[in-house]
Amino acid sequence: MTLWKHELRLLLRARLSVVALALLAILSVAAVAAGMAEVSRQRAAIAAIPAAQAEDIAAVADYVDRTKDAGSATYYSFHPTWDAPSPLAFAALGMRDVSPYILRVRALGLEAQIYDGDTFNPELALPGRFDFAFVLVFLAPLFVIALFHDQVSGEREAGRLRTLTALPRGGSGLMRRRTLLRLALLWAVLAVPFTFAAIVSGVGVGAILLILAVIAAYLLFWIGLAALIGRLRWSSVANAAALAACWLVLVLIAPTLAHVAINRAVPVDQGAEIALAQRERVNHAWDIPREETMRRFYANHPRWSASAPLGPEFHYKWYLAFHQNGDESVAGQVRAYREGLERRDAAARSLGWVLPSVGVQALLTRLAETDLTAQLAYQDRIRDFHRRLREFYYAYLFNDRPFGKEDFARAPVFGR
């Protein structure tokens, strides 16, 4: 124990080591605080939905109640959907930073509504905002380099290495103690802020322990790399330069080049192209016989085929029918787009077995439910809700039932 205390005192006397550990601790605290603030903001926005929705529907209901027109209720009513953040989302915001987590939809064509909400394309999501995953994956290796690049070479350049090797319990035992001490301190300044934030956020014990193990494993990878370069007996400056080059390649250059290669190998159209194609189909419906639109709709939705024939006047059931036909016309594009994104995501996750930085980030976003899989699952929930919404309004439109103020309360609610 005396030897460990002595090594700790020596470490704390080194200004670079103290500054590095203090700076990493500050960055870790700032990262989890920023992540928790962003998650809190998103939860507050979601919590405000019911009040805003009630106000919006009340305005529409006043208008519809005078006409009893189900079509107007269908057209003017927006219905909110939301994707609540998981307890661990503060640590790795992932795609929540680039994809909508609240989307208001109508019972009209859905695909254009979904892809209009894509401010950025999911496959182009970059490291994202400053959060704990960013500090761990991108910044922590630099602090490992700062503390380990001269662990052996520094002693050799100072002329102390032979003396230290000759001391009792010196040599390799001494270097192991210094390595373990530095590892423990680096791990602590990352783990303590994360663990505190995770407990406050209600993260399960299993997830916390797994991420703490991932932190240690990632640090060990970079420490091992520093030890391998240290065995080359270069100067401390050369070691630092070599490790910085490794960081540049493993954390920035290789993942970027791999990202470009994956995108070229798995070409995927943009989501905006799907929205444009759906709108073109919808707009084209105004130029073709209404009977043709209804025949196509009834072929795919025979449940409503007993509805009365269209008269010469405008009817919202025709309007909703060609919107649904527009969605179905781009179903193949939607499926191809999703499959392409999933193939890209699978390729990127496979890359994580070769590039630890990619693997750690992918694992954190998966545990935090902020990756592509979570985003696509949210879209699936939207589609299921939209189907229930359409069927609710179809029951009024295709049966020519009046729609009053009290009927708004019967509309489906997302998540129920």
Protein backbone atom coordinates (compact mmCIF):
# COMPACT_ATOMS: atom_id res chain seq x y z
CA MET A 1 0.00 0.00 0.00
CA THR A 2 2.93 2.35 0.74
CA LEU A 3 4.22 1.85 -2.77
CA TRP A 4 0.84 2.71 -4.25
CA LYS A 5 0.65 5.89 -2.16
CA HIS A 6 4.16 6.82 -3.23
CA GLU A 7 3.28 6.36 -6.91
CA LEU A 8 0.14 8.44 -6.43
CA ARG A 9 2.17 11.27 -4.86
CA LEU A 10 4.64 11.16 -7.75
CA LEU A 11 1.83 11.26 -10.25
CA LEU A 12 0.16 14.21 -8.58
CA ARG A 13 3.46 16.12 -8.60
CA ALA A 14 3.52 15.94 -12.41
CA ARG A 15 1.69 19.04 -13.59
CA LEU A 16 0.75 17.53 -16.97
CA SER A 17 -0.87 14.52 -15.31
CA VAL A 18 -2.89 16.61 -12.87
CA VAL A 19 -4.03 19.01 -15.58
CA ALA A 20 -4.97 16.12 -17.88
CA LEU A 21 -7.01 14.32 -15.23
CA ALA A 22 -8.71 17.54 -14.09
CA LEU A 23 -9.56 18.52 -17.66
CA LEU A 24 -10.98 15.08 -18.45
CA ALA A 25 -13.05 15.22 -15.27
CA ILE A 26 -14.42 18.63 -16.26
CA LEU A 27 -15.24 17.39 -19.77
CA SER A 28 -16.96 14.29 -18.36
CA VAL A 29 -19.11 16.33 -15.98
CA ALA A 30 -19.92 18.83 -18.71
CA ALA A 31 -20.83 16.05 -21.13
CA VAL A 32 -23.26 14.27 -18.82
CA ALA A 33 -24.72 17.62 -17.75
CA ALA A 34 -25.26 18.63 -21.37
CA GLY A 35 -26.79 15.25 -22.17
CA MET A 36 -29.15 15.40 -19.19
CA ALA A 37 -30.15 18.97 -20.08
CA GLU A 38 -30.97 17.95 -23.64
CA VAL A 39 -32.97 14.92 -22.50
CA SER A 40 -34.81 17.09 -19.98
CA ARG A 41 -35.64 19.58 -22.74
CA GLN A 42 -36.98 16.80 -24.95
CA ARG A 43 -39.08 15.35 -22.13
CA ALA A 44 -40.48 18.80 -21.38
CA ALA A 45 -41.43 19.22 -25.03
CA ILE A 46 -43.18 15.84 -25.00
CA ALA A 47 -44.94 16.64 -21.71
CA ALA A 48 -46.33 19.83 -23.26
CA ILE A 49 -48.00 17.90 -26.09
CA PRO A 50 -51.39 17.15 -24.42
CA ALA A 51 -52.09 20.80 -23.57
CA ALA A 52 -51.08 22.01 -27.03
CA GLN A 53 -53.09 19.25 -28.68
CA ALA A 54 -56.21 20.05 -26.64
CA GLU A 55 -55.99 23.70 -27.67
CA ASP A 56 -55.48 22.81 -31.31
CA ILE A 57 -58.33 20.29 -31.43
CA ALA A 58 -60.67 22.70 -29.63
CA ALA A 59 -60.19 25.24 -32.41
CA VAL A 60 -60.87 22.63 -35.10
CA ALA A 61 -63.84 21.21 -33.18
CA ASP A 62 -65.57 24.58 -33.02
CA TYR A 63 -65.44 24.81 -36.80
CA VAL A 64 -66.37 21.18 -37.50
CA ASP A 65 -69.26 21.17 -35.04
CA ARG A 66 -71.06 23.74 -37.18
CA THR A 67 -70.82 21.63 -40.34
CA LYS A 68 -70.73 18.09 -38.92
CA ASP A 69 -68.31 17.39 -41.77
CA ALA A 70 -66.04 14.41 -41.11
CA GLY A 71 -63.84 15.42 -44.04
CA SER A 72 -62.99 18.76 -42.48
CA ALA A 73 -62.20 17.02 -39.19
CA THR A 74 -59.91 14.64 -41.06
CA TYR A 75 -58.16 17.36 -43.05
CA TYR A 76 -57.59 19.93 -40.32
CA SER A 77 -56.80 17.63 -37.39
CA PHE A 78 -53.16 17.00 -36.58
CA HIS A 79 -52.32 14.17 -34.18
CA PRO A 80 -49.02 14.13 -32.29
CA THR A 81 -46.62 11.21 -32.08
CA TRP A 82 -43.50 11.18 -29.95
CA ASP A 83 -40.47 9.07 -29.12
CA ALA A 84 -39.65 9.49 -25.42
CA PRO A 85 -35.93 9.28 -24.58
CA SER A 86 -34.70 6.25 -22.68
CA PRO A 87 -33.08 6.74 -19.25
CA LEU A 88 -29.64 6.23 -20.84
CA ALA A 89 -30.20 8.65 -23.73
CA PHE A 90 -28.24 11.39 -21.91
CA ALA A 91 -25.01 9.43 -22.45
CA ALA A 92 -25.35 8.96 -26.20
CA LEU A 93 -27.90 11.17 -27.94
CA GLY A 94 -27.17 9.48 -31.26
CA MET A 95 -29.85 10.04 -33.89
CA ARG A 96 -32.08 11.99 -31.53
CA ASP A 97 -29.86 14.92 -32.45
CA VAL A 98 -30.65 14.69 -36.18
CA SER A 99 -34.05 13.01 -36.43
CA PRO A 100 -37.44 14.24 -35.16
CA TYR A 101 -38.64 12.83 -31.85
CA ILE A 102 -42.03 14.59 -32.15
CA LEU A 103 -44.07 14.37 -35.34
CA ARG A 104 -47.64 15.60 -35.86
CA VAL A 105 -49.46 13.60 -38.52
CA ARG A 106 -52.78 13.79 -40.31
CA ALA A 107 -54.82 10.93 -41.75
CA LEU A 108 -53.60 11.95 -45.22
CA GLY A 109 -50.61 10.48 -47.05
CA LEU A 110 -48.08 9.45 -44.44
CA GLU A 111 -44.82 8.94 -46.31
CA ALA A 112 -44.43 12.59 -47.26
CA GLN A 113 -45.13 13.54 -43.64
CA ILE A 114 -42.47 11.16 -42.32
CA TYR A 115 -39.74 12.17 -44.72
CA ASP A 116 -40.55 15.87 -44.52
CA GLY A 117 -39.65 15.47 -40.85
CA ASP A 118 -36.17 14.23 -41.72
CA THR A 119 -34.20 17.41 -41.35
CA PHE A 120 -31.12 15.28 -41.91
CA ASN A 121 -30.91 11.87 -43.52
CA PRO A 122 -30.37 9.12 -40.95
CA GLU A 123 -27.44 7.56 -42.80
CA LEU A 124 -25.56 10.88 -42.70
CA ALA A 125 -25.63 11.22 -38.92
CA LEU A 126 -22.14 12.16 -37.73
CA PRO A 127 -20.70 11.93 -34.20
CA GLY A 128 -23.35 14.37 -33.05
CA ARG A 129 -23.38 16.87 -30.24
CA PHE A 130 -21.15 16.99 -27.20
CA ASP A 131 -22.20 14.13 -24.93
CA PHE A 132 -20.59 11.39 -22.86
CA ALA A 133 -20.13 9.10 -25.85
CA PHE A 134 -18.23 11.88 -27.63
CA VAL A 135 -15.92 12.42 -24.65
CA LEU A 136 -15.25 8.70 -24.27
CA VAL A 137 -14.77 7.81 -27.93
CA PHE A 138 -13.05 10.91 -29.29
CA LEU A 139 -11.38 12.69 -26.36
CA ALA A 140 -10.44 10.05 -23.78
CA PRO A 141 -7.75 8.48 -26.04
CA LEU A 142 -5.94 11.84 -26.15
CA PHE A 143 -5.69 11.83 -22.36
CA VAL A 144 -4.38 8.26 -22.43
CA ILE A 145 -1.69 9.47 -24.83
CA ALA A 146 -0.85 12.37 -22.54
CA LEU A 147 -0.38 10.09 -19.51
CA PHE A 148 1.26 7.07 -21.13
CA HIS A 149 3.41 8.25 -24.04
CA ASP A 150 6.49 8.76 -21.82
CA GLN A 151 5.90 6.23 -19.08
CA VAL A 152 9.08 4.31 -19.94
CA SER A 153 10.83 6.62 -22.37
CA GLY A 154 10.62 9.53 -19.92
CA GLU A 155 12.49 7.55 -17.27
CA ARG A 156 15.08 6.45 -19.81
CA GLU A 157 15.64 10.00 -21.04
CA ALA A 158 15.99 11.20 -17.43
CA GLY A 159 18.61 8.51 -16.76
CA ARG A 160 16.55 6.80 -14.06
CA LEU A 161 15.38 3.69 -15.88
CA ARG A 162 18.33 1.41 -14.98
CA THR A 163 18.19 2.50 -11.36
CA LEU A 164 14.46 1.90 -11.14
CA THR A 165 14.87 -1.50 -12.77
CA ALA A 166 17.47 -2.49 -10.21
CA LEU A 167 15.35 -1.51 -7.22
CA PRO A 168 13.44 -4.17 -5.27
CA ARG A 169 9.91 -4.45 -6.67
CA GLY A 170 11.01 -2.17 -9.50
CA GLY A 171 11.28 -2.93 -13.21
CA SER A 172 8.15 -4.43 -14.74
CA GLY A 173 6.37 -4.45 -11.38
CA LEU A 174 6.86 -0.72 -11.06
CA MET A 175 5.53 -0.09 -14.57
CA ARG A 176 2.50 -2.28 -13.88
CA ARG A 177 1.70 -0.27 -10.75
CA ARG A 178 2.00 3.00 -12.65
CA THR A 179 -0.13 1.66 -15.48
CA LEU A 180 -2.85 0.42 -13.16
CA LEU A 181 -2.83 3.66 -11.18
CA ARG A 182 -3.20 5.81 -14.28
CA LEU A 183 -5.86 3.49 -15.66
CA ALA A 184 -7.81 3.65 -12.40
CA LEU A 185 -7.68 7.45 -12.30
CA LEU A 186 -8.70 7.83 -15.94
CA TRP A 187 -11.50 5.32 -15.45
CA ALA A 188 -12.68 7.10 -12.29
CA VAL A 189 -12.91 10.57 -13.85
CA LEU A 190 -15.06 9.08 -16.61
CA ALA A 191 -17.02 6.56 -14.55
CA VAL A 192 -17.98 8.67 -11.53
CA PRO A 193 -19.85 11.43 -13.43
CA PHE A 194 -21.49 8.86 -15.68
CA THR A 195 -22.58 6.63 -12.78
CA PHE A 196 -24.01 9.57 -10.84
CA ALA A 197 -25.99 10.76 -13.88
CA ALA A 198 -27.13 7.22 -14.68
CA ILE A 199 -28.44 6.64 -11.16
CA VAL A 200 -30.28 9.99 -11.19
CA SER A 201 -31.76 9.12 -14.60
CA GLY A 202 -32.99 5.72 -13.45
CA VAL A 203 -30.69 3.55 -15.58
CA GLY A 204 -30.68 -0.14 -14.64
CA VAL A 205 -27.74 -1.58 -12.71
CA GLY A 206 -26.92 -4.04 -15.50
CA ALA A 207 -26.60 -1.29 -18.11
CA ILE A 208 -24.45 0.82 -15.76
CA LEU A 209 -22.06 -2.05 -15.06
CA LEU A 210 -21.83 -2.92 -18.75
CA ILE A 211 -20.91 0.64 -19.71
CA LEU A 212 -18.40 0.88 -16.89
CA ALA A 213 -16.78 -2.27 -18.28
CA VAL A 214 -16.82 -0.77 -21.79
CA ILE A 215 -15.06 2.36 -20.48
CA ALA A 216 -12.34 0.23 -18.93
CA ALA A 217 -11.94 -1.93 -22.05
CA TYR A 218 -11.68 1.10 -24.33
CA LEU A 219 -9.06 2.72 -22.11
CA LEU A 220 -7.14 -0.57 -21.96
CA PHE A 221 -7.04 -0.72 -25.75
CA TRP A 222 -5.35 2.67 -25.96
CA ILE A 223 -3.05 1.90 -23.03
CA GLY A 224 -2.03 -1.34 -24.75
CA LEU A 225 -1.33 0.56 -27.96
CA ALA A 226 0.81 3.03 -26.00
CA ALA A 227 2.71 0.12 -24.42
CA LEU A 228 3.38 -1.44 -27.84
CA ILE A 229 4.78 1.80 -29.22
CA GLY A 230 6.78 2.29 -26.03
CA ARG A 231 8.57 -1.01 -26.68
CA LEU A 232 10.08 0.48 -29.84
CA ARG A 233 12.43 2.52 -27.62
CA TRP A 234 11.69 5.78 -29.39
CA SER A 235 11.89 9.16 -27.70
CA SER A 236 8.91 10.50 -25.78
CA VAL A 237 8.20 13.03 -28.51
CA ALA A 238 8.25 10.30 -31.16
CA ASN A 239 5.95 8.14 -29.03
CA ALA A 240 3.48 11.00 -28.64
CA ALA A 241 3.55 11.73 -32.36
CA ALA A 242 3.02 8.07 -33.25
CA LEU A 243 0.13 7.71 -30.81
CA ALA A 244 -1.44 10.92 -32.07
CA ALA A 245 -1.20 9.54 -35.61
CA CYS A 246 -2.86 6.31 -34.43
CA TRP A 247 -5.67 8.34 -32.84
CA LEU A 248 -6.11 10.33 -36.03
CA VAL A 249 -6.35 7.17 -38.12
CA LEU A 250 -8.39 4.97 -35.78
CA VAL A 251 -10.84 7.61 -34.57
CA LEU A 252 -11.22 10.02 -37.50
CA ILE A 253 -9.74 8.94 -40.82
CA ALA A 254 -10.54 5.21 -40.91
CA PRO A 255 -14.18 5.59 -39.75
CA THR A 256 -14.72 8.41 -42.28
CA LEU A 257 -13.23 6.43 -45.15
CA ALA A 258 -15.20 3.34 -44.10
CA HIS A 259 -18.35 5.46 -43.99
CA VAL A 260 -17.72 6.64 -47.55
CA ALA A 261 -16.98 3.09 -48.69
CA ILE A 262 -20.16 1.73 -47.10
CA ASN A 263 -22.24 4.48 -48.71
CA ARG A 264 -20.76 3.65 -52.12
CA ALA A 265 -21.21 -0.09 -51.64
CA VAL A 266 -24.82 0.28 -50.46
CA PRO A 267 -26.41 3.10 -52.47
CA VAL A 268 -29.56 4.53 -50.89
CA ASP A 269 -31.92 7.17 -52.24
CA GLN A 270 -32.71 10.16 -50.10
CA GLY A 271 -35.87 10.27 -48.00
CA ALA A 272 -36.86 13.51 -49.71
CA GLU A 273 -37.13 11.61 -53.00
CA ILE A 274 -39.79 9.38 -51.48
CA ALA A 275 -41.74 12.42 -50.28
CA LEU A 276 -41.48 13.98 -53.75
CA ALA A 277 -42.59 10.77 -55.48
CA GLN A 278 -45.58 10.43 -53.14
CA ARG A 279 -46.62 14.02 -53.79
CA GLU A 280 -46.38 13.50 -57.54
CA ARG A 281 -48.73 10.50 -57.29
CA VAL A 282 -51.13 12.52 -55.15
CA ASN A 283 -51.10 15.48 -57.52
CA HIS A 284 -51.60 13.18 -60.51
CA ALA A 285 -54.83 11.89 -58.96
CA TRP A 286 -56.50 15.22 -59.70
CA ASP A 287 -56.00 14.55 -63.43
CA ILE A 288 -57.44 11.03 -63.67
CA PRO A 289 -61.07 9.82 -63.39
CA ARG A 290 -62.19 9.59 -59.79
CA GLU A 291 -63.67 6.14 -60.45
CA GLU A 292 -60.21 4.83 -61.33
CA THR A 293 -58.87 6.13 -58.02
CA MET A 294 -61.69 4.49 -56.08
CA ARG A 295 -61.31 1.16 -57.92
CA ARG A 296 -57.65 1.03 -56.98
CA PHE A 297 -58.39 1.98 -53.39
CA TYR A 298 -61.19 -0.57 -52.99
CA ALA A 299 -58.99 -3.30 -54.49
CA ASN A 300 -56.56 -2.86 -51.59
CA HIS A 301 -59.18 -1.95 -48.99
CA PRO A 302 -62.31 -4.02 -49.74
CA ARG A 303 -63.69 -3.31 -46.27
CA TRP A 304 -64.92 0.09 -47.52
CA SER A 305 -66.07 -0.97 -50.99
CA ALA A 306 -69.77 -0.95 -49.97
CA SER A 307 -69.64 2.84 -49.65
CA ALA A 308 -72.07 4.82 -51.77
CA PRO A 309 -70.81 5.83 -55.22
CA LEU A 310 -69.32 9.26 -55.66
CA GLY A 311 -71.58 12.05 -56.84
CA PRO A 312 -70.53 15.04 -58.93
CA GLU A 313 -69.55 17.08 -55.87
CA PHE A 314 -66.22 16.89 -54.04
CA HIS A 315 -66.03 14.18 -51.38
CA TYR A 316 -63.27 13.73 -48.84
CA LYS A 317 -63.36 9.94 -49.12
CA TRP A 318 -61.99 10.32 -52.65
CA TYR A 319 -59.37 12.75 -51.35
CA LEU A 320 -58.22 10.32 -48.66
CA ALA A 321 -58.36 7.43 -51.10
CA PHE A 322 -55.87 8.98 -53.50
CA HIS A 323 -53.60 9.97 -50.63
CA GLN A 324 -53.55 6.35 -49.51
CA ASN A 325 -52.97 5.23 -53.11
CA GLY A 326 -50.02 7.63 -53.19
CA ASP A 327 -48.55 6.02 -50.09
CA GLU A 328 -48.98 2.54 -51.52
CA SER A 329 -47.41 3.57 -54.82
CA VAL A 330 -44.11 4.38 -53.09
CA ALA A 331 -44.18 1.37 -50.76
CA GLY A 332 -41.43 -0.30 -52.79
CA GLN A 333 -39.22 2.77 -52.52
CA VAL A 334 -39.85 2.99 -48.79
CA ARG A 335 -38.96 -0.67 -48.35
CA ALA A 336 -35.78 -0.31 -50.43
CA TYR A 337 -34.79 2.83 -48.54
CA ARG A 338 -35.24 1.14 -45.20
CA GLU A 339 -33.43 -2.02 -46.25
CA GLY A 340 -30.55 0.09 -47.56
CA LEU A 341 -30.26 1.95 -44.28
CA GLU A 342 -30.34 -1.31 -42.35
CA ARG A 343 -27.59 -2.80 -44.56
CA ARG A 344 -25.46 0.29 -44.03
CA ASP A 345 -26.07 0.14 -40.30
CA ALA A 346 -25.17 -3.56 -40.17
CA ALA A 347 -21.96 -2.88 -42.11
CA ALA A 348 -21.07 -0.04 -39.75
CA ARG A 349 -21.69 -2.23 -36.70
CA SER A 350 -19.51 -4.96 -38.21
CA LEU A 351 -16.79 -2.36 -38.61
CA GLY A 352 -16.90 -1.95 -34.85
CA TRP A 353 -15.12 -5.29 -34.46
CA VAL A 354 -12.12 -3.76 -36.24
CA LEU A 355 -12.30 -0.14 -35.10
CA PRO A 356 -12.92 0.13 -31.34
CA SER A 357 -14.08 3.74 -31.62
CA VAL A 358 -16.89 2.70 -33.97
CA GLY A 359 -17.78 -0.33 -31.87
CA VAL A 360 -17.98 1.61 -28.61
CA GLN A 361 -20.14 4.34 -30.11
CA ALA A 362 -22.45 1.79 -31.74
CA LEU A 363 -22.81 -0.09 -28.44
CA LEU A 364 -23.59 3.07 -26.47
CA THR A 365 -26.25 4.26 -28.92
CA ARG A 366 -27.82 0.80 -28.99
CA LEU A 367 -27.99 0.63 -25.19
CA ALA A 368 -29.35 4.20 -25.12
CA GLU A 369 -31.92 3.36 -27.83
CA THR A 370 -30.78 6.31 -29.92
CA ASP A 371 -29.49 4.45 -33.00
CA LEU A 372 -31.04 3.75 -36.39
CA THR A 373 -32.87 0.69 -35.06
CA ALA A 374 -34.66 2.86 -32.50
CA GLN A 375 -35.51 5.50 -35.10
CA LEU A 376 -37.00 2.92 -37.47
CA ALA A 377 -38.98 1.42 -34.58
CA TYR A 378 -40.44 4.87 -33.93
CA GLN A 379 -41.45 5.11 -37.59
CA ASP A 380 -43.14 1.72 -37.28
CA ARG A 381 -45.15 3.00 -34.33
CA ILE A 382 -46.12 6.07 -36.35
CA ARG A 383 -47.31 3.88 -39.23
CA ASP A 384 -49.37 1.70 -36.92
CA PHE A 385 -50.94 4.79 -35.34
CA HIS A 386 -51.62 6.31 -38.77
CA ARG A 387 -53.40 3.13 -39.83
CA ARG A 388 -55.68 3.31 -36.78
CA LEU A 389 -56.22 7.01 -37.43
CA ARG A 390 -57.25 6.42 -41.04
CA GLU A 391 -59.63 3.65 -40.12
CA PHE A 392 -61.23 5.89 -37.49
CA TYR A 393 -61.95 8.62 -40.03
CA TYR A 394 -62.82 6.16 -42.80
CA ALA A 395 -65.69 4.88 -40.65
CA TYR A 396 -67.27 8.34 -40.85
CA LEU A 397 -66.34 9.24 -44.43
CA PHE A 398 -67.22 6.01 -46.20
CA ASN A 399 -70.47 5.64 -44.26
CA ASP A 400 -71.42 9.33 -44.56
CA ARG A 401 -71.73 9.67 -40.81
CA PRO A 402 -71.81 13.19 -39.33
CA PHE A 403 -68.84 14.19 -37.19
CA GLY A 404 -69.47 16.37 -34.14
CA LYS A 405 -67.40 17.92 -31.40
CA GLU A 406 -67.81 14.92 -29.15
CA ASP A 407 -66.34 12.61 -31.80
CA PHE A 408 -62.89 14.14 -31.46
CA ALA A 409 -62.54 12.44 -28.07
CA ARG A 410 -63.02 9.07 -29.76
CA ALA A 411 -60.01 9.50 -32.07
CA PRO A 412 -57.04 7.20 -31.45
CA VAL A 413 -54.24 8.54 -29.26
CA PHE A 414 -50.62 7.66 -29.92
CA GLY A 415 -49.22 5.18 -27.45
CA ARG A 416 -52.59 3.80 -26.37
